[in-house]
Amino acid sequence: MITWRRVTEDDFPLLRRWLAHPHVARWWNHDTTPEGVERDFGPTARGEEPAEDWLALLDGRPFGLVQRCRLAAYPAEREALAKVTSVPDGAMGIDYLIGEAAETGRGLGSRMIRAMVERTWPDYPDATCVIVPVAAGNHASWRALEKAGLARVAEGDLEPDNPIDGPAHVVYRIDRPGR
């Protein structure tokens, strides 16, 4: 069973290591210096940012990271996404990674995504859906989202996380059950 705990500043060395792994760096493209990780994750860890960073744990051991937010809390990103697909009020967004290369290809990504989506409904009673844009070339991410129950709803151009990628993205979505 996957359990969760919020990222704290004590986790920054782990995040630095994960973000430096080639399989993560290819898609996340983060500054892995102590200053860069502090800049990118510190405000959220301290509650100064409206997003949440969660470590996914299996048998008490961290294996992945999920970032979750209300899309309305980030108007520029929401507006860009709305040019590609419908973004209803109450829409949530997630981003995710599996930290160690040895943990990839085992189904943990789809399990982690599914677990966070299932957690989102009670955590955010007004959440209408979860929307996830993915760089078009990230086929492993597509498969994880599909196995987690999300459906592709759009394709379009968005600003890439990694400048080596073009703007082409695919967008996945899952609606709150019963909607």
C-alpha atoms as a PDB file:
ATOM      1  CA  MET A   1       0.000   0.000   0.000  1.00  0.00           C
ATOM      2  CA  ILE A   2       1.233   3.455  -0.860  1.00  0.00           C
ATOM      3  CA  THR A   3       1.329   5.954   1.976  1.00  0.00           C
ATOM      4  CA  TRP A   4       2.126   9.649   1.838  1.00  0.00           C
ATOM      5  CA  ARG A   5       3.922  12.340   3.724  1.00  0.00           C
ATOM      6  CA  ARG A   6       4.487  15.970   2.919  1.00  0.00           C
ATOM      7  CA  VAL A   7       7.938  16.997   1.719  1.00  0.00           C
ATOM      8  CA  THR A   8       9.976  18.868   4.319  1.00  0.00           C
ATOM      9  CA  GLU A   9      13.286  20.670   4.014  1.00  0.00           C
ATOM     10  CA  ASP A  10      14.918  17.525   5.453  1.00  0.00           C
ATOM     11  CA  ASP A  11      13.937  15.769   2.202  1.00  0.00           C
ATOM     12  CA  PHE A  12      15.825  18.186  -0.049  1.00  0.00           C
ATOM     13  CA  PRO A  13      18.976  16.004  -0.297  1.00  0.00           C
ATOM     14  CA  LEU A  14      16.778  13.125  -1.483  1.00  0.00           C
ATOM     15  CA  LEU A  15      15.032  15.381  -4.030  1.00  0.00           C
ATOM     16  CA  ARG A  16      18.405  16.670  -5.254  1.00  0.00           C
ATOM     17  CA  ARG A  17      19.563  13.101  -5.834  1.00  0.00           C
ATOM     18  CA  TRP A  18      16.346  12.087  -7.581  1.00  0.00           C
ATOM     19  CA  LEU A  19      16.267  15.178  -9.790  1.00  0.00           C
ATOM     20  CA  ALA A  20      19.851  14.471 -10.892  1.00  0.00           C
ATOM     21  CA  HIS A  21      19.079  10.942 -12.100  1.00  0.00           C
ATOM     22  CA  PRO A  22      18.981  10.913 -15.918  1.00  0.00           C
ATOM     23  CA  HIS A  23      15.497   9.356 -16.127  1.00  0.00           C
ATOM     24  CA  VAL A  24      14.114  12.235 -14.000  1.00  0.00           C
ATOM     25  CA  ALA A  25      16.326  15.058 -15.274  1.00  0.00           C
ATOM     26  CA  ARG A  26      15.214  14.335 -18.853  1.00  0.00           C
ATOM     27  CA  TRP A  27      11.648  15.423 -18.092  1.00  0.00           C
ATOM     28  CA  TRP A  28      11.889  17.599 -14.968  1.00  0.00           C
ATOM     29  CA  ASN A  29      14.894  19.733 -15.959  1.00  0.00           C
ATOM     30  CA  HIS A  30      15.431  21.172 -12.453  1.00  0.00           C
ATOM     31  CA  ASP A  31      18.409  22.913 -10.938  1.00  0.00           C
ATOM     32  CA  THR A  32      19.807  20.283  -8.544  1.00  0.00           C
ATOM     33  CA  THR A  33      22.048  22.587  -6.534  1.00  0.00           C
ATOM     34  CA  PRO A  34      21.067  23.050  -2.875  1.00  0.00           C
ATOM     35  CA  GLU A  35      20.031  26.617  -3.751  1.00  0.00           C
ATOM     36  CA  GLY A  36      17.951  25.460  -6.719  1.00  0.00           C
ATOM     37  CA  VAL A  37      16.086  22.802  -4.759  1.00  0.00           C
ATOM     38  CA  GLU A  38      15.493  25.277  -1.920  1.00  0.00           C
ATOM     39  CA  ARG A  39      14.153  27.841  -4.410  1.00  0.00           C
ATOM     40  CA  ASP A  40      11.846  25.343  -6.135  1.00  0.00           C
ATOM     41  CA  PHE A  41      10.633  23.288  -3.167  1.00  0.00           C
ATOM     42  CA  GLY A  42      11.228  25.494  -0.099  1.00  0.00           C
ATOM     43  CA  PRO A  43       8.149  27.725  -0.400  1.00  0.00           C
ATOM     44  CA  THR A  44       5.867  24.713  -0.708  1.00  0.00           C
ATOM     45  CA  ALA A  45       7.539  22.876   2.181  1.00  0.00           C
ATOM     46  CA  ARG A  46       7.060  25.970   4.355  1.00  0.00           C
ATOM     47  CA  GLY A  47       3.413  26.431   3.304  1.00  0.00           C
ATOM     48  CA  GLU A  48       4.111  29.678   1.445  1.00  0.00           C
ATOM     49  CA  GLU A  49       3.026  28.271  -1.922  1.00  0.00           C
ATOM     50  CA  PRO A  50      -0.506  27.011  -2.726  1.00  0.00           C
ATOM     51  CA  ALA A  51       0.780  23.678  -4.089  1.00  0.00           C
ATOM     52  CA  GLU A  52       1.594  20.502  -2.170  1.00  0.00           C
ATOM     53  CA  ASP A  53       4.629  18.257  -2.537  1.00  0.00           C
ATOM     54  CA  TRP A  54       4.104  14.682  -1.367  1.00  0.00           C
ATOM     55  CA  LEU A  55       6.550  11.824  -1.008  1.00  0.00           C
ATOM     56  CA  ALA A  56       5.049   8.484  -1.978  1.00  0.00           C
ATOM     57  CA  LEU A  57       6.206   5.684   0.311  1.00  0.00           C
ATOM     58  CA  LEU A  58       6.093   1.941  -0.119  1.00  0.00           C
ATOM     59  CA  ASP A  59       6.677  -0.007   3.087  1.00  0.00           C
ATOM     60  CA  GLY A  60       7.747   3.296   4.667  1.00  0.00           C
ATOM     61  CA  ARG A  61      10.447   3.964   2.047  1.00  0.00           C
ATOM     62  CA  PRO A  62      10.169   6.993  -0.279  1.00  0.00           C
ATOM     63  CA  PHE A  63      10.093   6.050  -3.950  1.00  0.00           C
ATOM     64  CA  GLY A  64       8.332   8.926  -5.682  1.00  0.00           C
ATOM     65  CA  LEU A  65       7.148  12.500  -5.587  1.00  0.00           C
ATOM     66  CA  VAL A  66       3.770  13.972  -6.483  1.00  0.00           C
ATOM     67  CA  GLN A  67       3.069  17.677  -6.722  1.00  0.00           C
ATOM     68  CA  ARG A  68      -0.615  18.619  -6.481  1.00  0.00           C
ATOM     69  CA  CYS A  69      -2.368  21.950  -6.845  1.00  0.00           C
ATOM     70  CA  ARG A  70      -5.577  23.685  -7.678  1.00  0.00           C
ATOM     71  CA  LEU A  71      -5.094  24.898 -11.234  1.00  0.00           C
ATOM     72  CA  ALA A  72      -6.907  28.133 -10.344  1.00  0.00           C
ATOM     73  CA  ALA A  73      -4.031  28.948  -7.956  1.00  0.00           C
ATOM     74  CA  TYR A  74      -1.734  29.313 -10.978  1.00  0.00           C
ATOM     75  CA  PRO A  75      -3.629  31.583 -13.404  1.00  0.00           C
ATOM     76  CA  ALA A  76      -0.956  31.724 -16.137  1.00  0.00           C
ATOM     77  CA  GLU A  77      -0.628  27.937 -16.317  1.00  0.00           C
ATOM     78  CA  ARG A  78      -4.414  27.505 -16.168  1.00  0.00           C
ATOM     79  CA  GLU A  79      -4.893  30.013 -18.988  1.00  0.00           C
ATOM     80  CA  ALA A  80      -2.298  28.268 -21.167  1.00  0.00           C
ATOM     81  CA  LEU A  81      -3.914  24.889 -20.518  1.00  0.00           C
ATOM     82  CA  ALA A  82      -7.382  26.316 -21.253  1.00  0.00           C
ATOM     83  CA  LYS A  83      -6.209  27.098 -24.795  1.00  0.00           C
ATOM     84  CA  VAL A  84      -5.729  23.357 -25.295  1.00  0.00           C
ATOM     85  CA  THR A  85      -8.621  21.829 -23.307  1.00  0.00           C
ATOM     86  CA  SER A  86     -11.542  22.721 -21.086  1.00  0.00           C
ATOM     87  CA  VAL A  87     -10.421  23.550 -17.533  1.00  0.00           C
ATOM     88  CA  PRO A  88     -13.495  23.571 -15.303  1.00  0.00           C
ATOM     89  CA  ASP A  89     -13.727  25.322 -11.969  1.00  0.00           C
ATOM     90  CA  GLY A  90     -12.330  23.049  -9.304  1.00  0.00           C
ATOM     91  CA  ALA A  91      -9.793  21.407 -11.633  1.00  0.00           C
ATOM     92  CA  MET A  92      -6.686  20.018  -9.971  1.00  0.00           C
ATOM     93  CA  GLY A  93      -3.282  19.301 -11.471  1.00  0.00           C
ATOM     94  CA  ILE A  94      -0.549  16.847 -10.592  1.00  0.00           C
ATOM     95  CA  ASP A  95       3.028  16.214 -11.605  1.00  0.00           C
ATOM     96  CA  TYR A  96       5.031  13.201 -10.519  1.00  0.00           C
ATOM     97  CA  LEU A  97       8.236  11.239 -10.699  1.00  0.00           C
ATOM     98  CA  ILE A  98       9.675   7.915  -9.619  1.00  0.00           C
ATOM     99  CA  GLY A  99      12.975   8.708  -7.917  1.00  0.00           C
ATOM    100  CA  GLU A 100      15.175   5.690  -8.588  1.00  0.00           C
ATOM    101  CA  ALA A 101      15.607   4.190 -12.062  1.00  0.00           C
ATOM    102  CA  ALA A 102      15.435   0.683 -10.553  1.00  0.00           C
ATOM    103  CA  GLU A 103      11.881   1.466  -9.405  1.00  0.00           C
ATOM    104  CA  THR A 104      10.641   2.344 -12.902  1.00  0.00           C
ATOM    105  CA  GLY A 105       8.880  -0.146 -15.156  1.00  0.00           C
ATOM    106  CA  ARG A 106       7.277  -1.952 -12.213  1.00  0.00           C
ATOM    107  CA  GLY A 107       3.863  -0.272 -12.235  1.00  0.00           C
ATOM    108  CA  LEU A 108       4.643   2.005  -9.292  1.00  0.00           C
ATOM    109  CA  GLY A 109       4.019   5.159 -11.314  1.00  0.00           C
ATOM    110  CA  SER A 110       0.454   4.240 -12.224  1.00  0.00           C
ATOM    111  CA  ARG A 111      -0.212   3.005  -8.673  1.00  0.00           C
ATOM    112  CA  MET A 112       1.158   6.270  -7.267  1.00  0.00           C
ATOM    113  CA  ILE A 113      -0.918   8.409  -9.656  1.00  0.00           C
ATOM    114  CA  ARG A 114      -4.081   6.414  -8.955  1.00  0.00           C
ATOM    115  CA  ALA A 115      -3.511   6.671  -5.194  1.00  0.00           C
ATOM    116  CA  MET A 116      -3.070  10.460  -5.350  1.00  0.00           C
ATOM    117  CA  VAL A 117      -6.148  10.890  -7.545  1.00  0.00           C
ATOM    118  CA  GLU A 118      -8.199   8.776  -5.118  1.00  0.00           C
ATOM    119  CA  ARG A 119      -6.854  10.854  -2.228  1.00  0.00           C
ATOM    120  CA  THR A 120      -7.738  14.095  -4.028  1.00  0.00           C
ATOM    121  CA  TRP A 121     -11.512  13.553  -3.943  1.00  0.00           C
ATOM    122  CA  PRO A 122     -11.858  13.525  -0.122  1.00  0.00           C
ATOM    123  CA  ASP A 123      -9.041  16.065   0.352  1.00  0.00           C
ATOM    124  CA  TYR A 124     -10.758  18.520  -2.028  1.00  0.00           C
ATOM    125  CA  PRO A 125     -14.536  18.007  -1.961  1.00  0.00           C
ATOM    126  CA  ASP A 126     -14.964  20.734  -4.595  1.00  0.00           C
ATOM    127  CA  ALA A 127     -12.424  19.203  -7.000  1.00  0.00           C
ATOM    128  CA  THR A 128     -14.125  18.428 -10.292  1.00  0.00           C
ATOM    129  CA  CYS A 129     -11.290  16.666 -12.103  1.00  0.00           C
ATOM    130  CA  VAL A 130      -7.558  16.111 -12.306  1.00  0.00           C
ATOM    131  CA  ILE A 131      -5.844  17.342 -15.479  1.00  0.00           C
ATOM    132  CA  VAL A 132      -2.287  16.390 -16.427  1.00  0.00           C
ATOM    133  CA  PRO A 133      -0.397  17.810 -19.426  1.00  0.00           C
ATOM    134  CA  VAL A 134       2.549  15.685 -20.553  1.00  0.00           C
ATOM    135  CA  ALA A 135       5.277  16.376 -23.095  1.00  0.00           C
ATOM    136  CA  ALA A 136       4.314  14.458 -26.230  1.00  0.00           C
ATOM    137  CA  GLY A 137       7.551  12.487 -26.199  1.00  0.00           C
ATOM    138  CA  ASN A 138       7.127  11.144 -22.670  1.00  0.00           C
ATOM    139  CA  HIS A 139       5.481   7.844 -23.588  1.00  0.00           C
ATOM    140  CA  ALA A 140       6.186   6.236 -20.204  1.00  0.00           C
ATOM    141  CA  SER A 141       4.172   8.988 -18.540  1.00  0.00           C
ATOM    142  CA  TRP A 142       1.294   8.461 -20.971  1.00  0.00           C
ATOM    143  CA  ARG A 143       1.193   4.762 -20.130  1.00  0.00           C
ATOM    144  CA  ALA A 144       1.279   5.430 -16.385  1.00  0.00           C
ATOM    145  CA  LEU A 145      -1.612   7.893 -16.648  1.00  0.00           C
ATOM    146  CA  GLU A 146      -3.676   5.517 -18.785  1.00  0.00           C
ATOM    147  CA  LYS A 147      -3.060   2.601 -16.409  1.00  0.00           C
ATOM    148  CA  ALA A 148      -4.111   4.885 -13.538  1.00  0.00           C
ATOM    149  CA  GLY A 149      -7.470   5.483 -15.252  1.00  0.00           C
ATOM    150  CA  LEU A 150      -6.943   8.873 -16.873  1.00  0.00           C
ATOM    151  CA  ALA A 151      -8.029   9.440 -20.466  1.00  0.00           C
ATOM    152  CA  ARG A 152      -6.386  11.523 -23.149  1.00  0.00           C
ATOM    153  CA  VAL A 153      -8.643  14.488 -23.808  1.00  0.00           C
ATOM    154  CA  ALA A 154      -6.515  16.837 -25.887  1.00  0.00           C
ATOM    155  CA  GLU A 155      -3.291  17.495 -27.728  1.00  0.00           C
ATOM    156  CA  GLY A 156      -1.762  20.927 -28.177  1.00  0.00           C
ATOM    157  CA  ASP A 157       1.144  23.255 -27.682  1.00  0.00           C
ATOM    158  CA  LEU A 158       2.273  24.239 -24.177  1.00  0.00           C
ATOM    159  CA  GLU A 159       5.539  25.588 -22.799  1.00  0.00           C
ATOM    160  CA  PRO A 160       7.820  22.580 -22.285  1.00  0.00           C
ATOM    161  CA  ASP A 161       9.483  21.897 -18.924  1.00  0.00           C
ATOM    162  CA  ASN A 162      12.677  20.994 -20.751  1.00  0.00           C
ATOM    163  CA  PRO A 163      13.783  23.366 -23.516  1.00  0.00           C
ATOM    164  CA  ILE A 164      15.030  20.425 -25.596  1.00  0.00           C
ATOM    165  CA  ASP A 165      11.392  19.404 -26.107  1.00  0.00           C
ATOM    166  CA  GLY A 166       9.084  21.080 -28.538  1.00  0.00           C
ATOM    167  CA  PRO A 167       5.773  22.520 -27.387  1.00  0.00           C
ATOM    168  CA  ALA A 168       3.690  19.440 -28.327  1.00  0.00           C
ATOM    169  CA  HIS A 169       1.828  18.033 -25.337  1.00  0.00           C
ATOM    170  CA  VAL A 170      -0.888  15.499 -24.677  1.00  0.00           C
ATOM    171  CA  VAL A 171      -3.413  16.175 -21.938  1.00  0.00           C
ATOM    172  CA  TYR A 172      -4.986  13.559 -19.698  1.00  0.00           C
ATOM    173  CA  ARG A 173      -7.975  13.938 -17.395  1.00  0.00           C
ATOM    174  CA  ILE A 174     -10.036  12.045 -14.889  1.00  0.00           C
ATOM    175  CA  ASP A 175     -13.321  13.385 -13.540  1.00  0.00           C
ATOM    176  CA  ARG A 176     -14.582  13.045  -9.999  1.00  0.00           C
ATOM    177  CA  PRO A 177     -16.572   9.798  -9.760  1.00  0.00           C
ATOM    178  CA  GLY A 178     -20.292  10.345 -10.148  1.00  0.00           C
ATOM    179  CA  ARG A 179     -19.920  13.477 -12.282  1.00  0.00           C
END
